[in-house]
C-alpha atoms as a PDB file:
ATOM      1  CA  MET A   1     140.621 125.529 134.339  1.00  0.00           C
ATOM      2  CA  ILE A   2     140.738 122.338 136.405  1.00  0.00           C
ATOM      3  CA  ILE A   3     138.084 120.655 134.275  1.00  0.00           C
ATOM      4  CA  THR A   4     139.998 121.480 131.088  1.00  0.00           C
ATOM      5  CA  VAL A   5     143.230 119.966 132.421  1.00  0.00           C
ATOM      6  CA  VAL A   6     141.464 116.852 133.723  1.00  0.00           C
ATOM      7  CA  ARG A   7     139.646 116.276 130.424  1.00  0.00           C
ATOM      8  CA  TYR A   8     142.686 116.962 128.274  1.00  0.00           C
ATOM      9  CA  TYR A   9     145.292 114.935 130.169  1.00  0.00           C
ATOM     10  CA  LYS A  10     142.919 112.485 131.900  1.00  0.00           C
ATOM     11  CA  TRP A  11     144.887 112.728 135.144  1.00  0.00           C
ATOM     12  CA  PRO A  12     143.268 111.357 138.318  1.00  0.00           C
ATOM     13  CA  PRO A  13     142.207 113.709 141.145  1.00  0.00           C
ATOM     14  CA  PRO A  14     145.280 113.007 143.331  1.00  0.00           C
ATOM     15  CA  VAL A  15     147.574 114.268 140.548  1.00  0.00           C
ATOM     16  CA  ILE A  16     145.499 117.428 140.112  1.00  0.00           C
ATOM     17  CA  ASP A  17     145.375 117.947 143.900  1.00  0.00           C
ATOM     18  CA  ASP A  18     149.175 118.034 144.014  1.00  0.00           C
ATOM     19  CA  MET A  19     149.419 120.849 141.488  1.00  0.00           C
ATOM     20  CA  TYR A  20     150.016 124.439 142.460  1.00  0.00           C
ATOM     21  CA  VAL A  21     147.862 127.307 141.260  1.00  0.00           C
ATOM     22  CA  ASP A  22     150.538 129.989 141.754  1.00  0.00           C
ATOM     23  CA  ASP A  23     153.883 130.717 140.117  1.00  0.00           C
ATOM     24  CA  ILE A  24     155.991 128.683 142.545  1.00  0.00           C
ATOM     25  CA  ASP A  25     155.800 125.433 140.594  1.00  0.00           C
ATOM     26  CA  TYR A  26     156.506 125.761 136.866  1.00  0.00           C
ATOM     27  CA  LYS A  27     154.513 122.590 136.232  1.00  0.00           C
ATOM     28  CA  GLY A  28     151.505 123.780 138.153  1.00  0.00           C
ATOM     29  CA  LEU A  29     147.928 123.850 137.014  1.00  0.00           C
ATOM     30  CA  VAL A  30     148.284 127.105 135.074  1.00  0.00           C
ATOM     31  CA  PHE A  31     151.260 125.700 133.129  1.00  0.00           C
ATOM     32  CA  TRP A  32     149.336 122.595 132.048  1.00  0.00           C
ATOM     33  CA  TYR A  33     146.191 124.608 131.247  1.00  0.00           C
ATOM     34  CA  ASN A  34     148.201 126.894 128.952  1.00  0.00           C
ATOM     35  CA  ASP A  35     149.853 123.854 127.379  1.00  0.00           C
ATOM     36  CA  ALA A  36     146.467 122.229 126.710  1.00  0.00           C
ATOM     37  CA  GLU A  37     145.199 125.441 125.107  1.00  0.00           C
ATOM     38  CA  ALA A  38     148.293 125.713 122.893  1.00  0.00           C
ATOM     39  CA  GLN A  39     148.009 122.082 121.780  1.00  0.00           C
ATOM     40  CA  ASP A  40     144.301 122.512 121.049  1.00  0.00           C
ATOM     41  CA  LYS A  41     145.016 125.602 118.947  1.00  0.00           C
ATOM     42  CA  LYS A  42     147.726 123.753 116.986  1.00  0.00           C
ATOM     43  CA  HIS A  43     145.389 120.809 116.393  1.00  0.00           C
ATOM     44  CA  LYS A  44     142.610 123.082 115.126  1.00  0.00           C
ATOM     45  CA  GLU A  45     145.019 124.824 112.737  1.00  0.00           C
ATOM     46  CA  LEU A  46     146.302 121.495 111.427  1.00  0.00           C
ATOM     47  CA  MET A  47     142.761 120.255 110.864  1.00  0.00           C
ATOM     48  CA  LYS A  48     141.821 123.484 109.100  1.00  0.00           C
ATOM     49  CA  ASN A  49     144.839 123.202 106.803  1.00  0.00           C
ATOM     50  CA  LYS A  50     144.225 119.506 106.194  1.00  0.00           C
ATOM     51  CA  ASN A  51     140.676 120.221 105.087  1.00  0.00           C
ATOM     52  CA  GLY A  52     141.800 122.964 102.714  1.00  0.00           C
ATOM     53  CA  LEU A  53     140.360 125.767 104.773  1.00  0.00           C
ATOM     54  CA  ARG A  54     143.483 127.895 105.087  1.00  0.00           C
ATOM     55  CA  SER A  55     142.850 131.406 106.222  1.00  0.00           C
END
């Protein structure tokens, strides 16, 4: 999960270190991981539709 967030948002280690892994902070690591996954899914769908590969 950490690697995905770092690669997607390109945040430096100190930013990642300050993130929570539990439900206390709504902008914790889990929040940003889920956001990255959602954005990736949207991008893949857009690319599929752009290339005429609608399912």
